[in-house]
Amino acid sequence: MVRRARIDEAAARRIFGILTWFSRTREAYDRERDFMIGQGIPASFLPDPGPGRFVSSASSSRACP
């Protein structure tokens, strides 16, 4: 699968989507992105997170009512 993702952007995006599905912080998202780049997948195949994907750390630390 990784071999295909090195040459197929759609495959790379699918794998990346699975790896980042539960990423709650930009740091976690970037760790997965760096991992895939380290596996030889072109950075241009991997999207940046969409706007509003992550909440600020200040608001995420508040307790739910």
C-alpha atoms as a PDB file:
ATOM      1  CA  MET A   1       0.000   0.000   0.000  1.00  0.00           C
ATOM      2  CA  VAL A   2       2.791   2.432   0.869  1.00  0.00           C
ATOM      3  CA  ARG A   3       4.559   1.582  -2.369  1.00  0.00           C
ATOM      4  CA  ARG A   4       1.471   2.604  -4.307  1.00  0.00           C
ATOM      5  CA  ALA A   5       1.046   5.797  -2.265  1.00  0.00           C
ATOM      6  CA  ARG A   6       4.509   6.900  -3.383  1.00  0.00           C
ATOM      7  CA  ILE A   7       3.247   7.206  -6.966  1.00  0.00           C
ATOM      8  CA  ASP A   8      -0.534   7.551  -6.583  1.00  0.00           C
ATOM      9  CA  GLU A   9      -1.803  10.745  -4.991  1.00  0.00           C
ATOM     10  CA  ALA A  10      -5.305   9.339  -4.375  1.00  0.00           C
ATOM     11  CA  ALA A  11      -3.879   6.348  -2.501  1.00  0.00           C
ATOM     12  CA  ALA A  12      -1.641   8.641  -0.437  1.00  0.00           C
ATOM     13  CA  ARG A  13      -4.602  10.835   0.481  1.00  0.00           C
ATOM     14  CA  ARG A  14      -6.717   7.832   1.510  1.00  0.00           C
ATOM     15  CA  ILE A  15      -4.006   6.476   3.788  1.00  0.00           C
ATOM     16  CA  PHE A  16      -3.333   9.921   5.211  1.00  0.00           C
ATOM     17  CA  GLY A  17      -7.036  10.435   5.870  1.00  0.00           C
ATOM     18  CA  ILE A  18      -7.163   7.217   7.874  1.00  0.00           C
ATOM     19  CA  LEU A  19      -4.047   8.107   9.861  1.00  0.00           C
ATOM     20  CA  THR A  20      -5.267  11.593  10.699  1.00  0.00           C
ATOM     21  CA  TRP A  21      -8.973  10.868  11.227  1.00  0.00           C
ATOM     22  CA  PHE A  22      -8.701  11.224  15.015  1.00  0.00           C
ATOM     23  CA  SER A  23      -5.918  13.836  15.118  1.00  0.00           C
ATOM     24  CA  ARG A  24      -7.147  16.487  17.528  1.00  0.00           C
ATOM     25  CA  THR A  25      -4.158  18.813  17.347  1.00  0.00           C
ATOM     26  CA  ARG A  26      -2.060  20.268  14.568  1.00  0.00           C
ATOM     27  CA  GLU A  27       0.988  18.651  16.168  1.00  0.00           C
ATOM     28  CA  ALA A  28      -0.548  15.156  15.904  1.00  0.00           C
ATOM     29  CA  TYR A  29      -1.567  15.857  12.303  1.00  0.00           C
ATOM     30  CA  ASP A  30       1.945  17.020  11.437  1.00  0.00           C
ATOM     31  CA  ARG A  31       3.498  13.922  13.065  1.00  0.00           C
ATOM     32  CA  GLU A  32       1.493  11.672  10.741  1.00  0.00           C
ATOM     33  CA  ARG A  33       2.373  13.858   7.761  1.00  0.00           C
ATOM     34  CA  ASP A  34       6.076  13.716   8.638  1.00  0.00           C
ATOM     35  CA  PHE A  35       5.827   9.931   9.042  1.00  0.00           C
ATOM     36  CA  MET A  36       4.379   9.521   5.558  1.00  0.00           C
ATOM     37  CA  ILE A  37       6.978  11.838   4.026  1.00  0.00           C
ATOM     38  CA  GLY A  38       9.635   9.740   5.771  1.00  0.00           C
ATOM     39  CA  GLN A  39       8.196   6.685   4.009  1.00  0.00           C
ATOM     40  CA  GLY A  40       8.917   8.302   0.649  1.00  0.00           C
ATOM     41  CA  ILE A  41       5.476   9.735  -0.076  1.00  0.00           C
ATOM     42  CA  PRO A  42       5.753  13.148  -1.748  1.00  0.00           C
ATOM     43  CA  ALA A  43       4.691  16.031   0.482  1.00  0.00           C
ATOM     44  CA  SER A  44       2.735  17.464  -2.440  1.00  0.00           C
ATOM     45  CA  PHE A  45       0.404  14.419  -2.250  1.00  0.00           C
ATOM     46  CA  LEU A  46      -0.547  15.235   1.360  1.00  0.00           C
ATOM     47  CA  PRO A  47      -3.085  17.967   2.067  1.00  0.00           C
ATOM     48  CA  ASP A  48      -2.875  20.653   4.686  1.00  0.00           C
ATOM     49  CA  PRO A  49      -5.714  20.544   7.214  1.00  0.00           C
ATOM     50  CA  GLY A  50      -8.821  22.455   6.307  1.00  0.00           C
ATOM     51  CA  PRO A  51      -9.641  25.707   8.092  1.00  0.00           C
ATOM     52  CA  GLY A  52     -11.240  25.193  11.486  1.00  0.00           C
ATOM     53  CA  ARG A  53     -10.079  21.569  11.711  1.00  0.00           C
ATOM     54  CA  PHE A  54      -8.416  22.075  15.086  1.00  0.00           C
ATOM     55  CA  VAL A  55      -9.701  23.987  18.078  1.00  0.00           C
ATOM     56  CA  SER A  56      -7.314  26.125  20.028  1.00  0.00           C
ATOM     57  CA  SER A  57      -5.729  24.495  23.050  1.00  0.00           C
ATOM     58  CA  ALA A  58      -7.408  27.074  25.316  1.00  0.00           C
ATOM     59  CA  SER A  59     -10.914  26.098  24.244  1.00  0.00           C
ATOM     60  CA  SER A  60     -10.205  22.357  24.127  1.00  0.00           C
ATOM     61  CA  SER A  61      -9.045  22.305  27.751  1.00  0.00           C
ATOM     62  CA  ARG A  62     -12.369  23.570  29.107  1.00  0.00           C
ATOM     63  CA  ALA A  63     -14.591  21.039  30.778  1.00  0.00           C
ATOM     64  CA  CYS A  64     -17.874  20.210  29.139  1.00  0.00           C
ATOM     65  CA  PRO A  65     -20.961  21.347  31.048  1.00  0.00           C
END
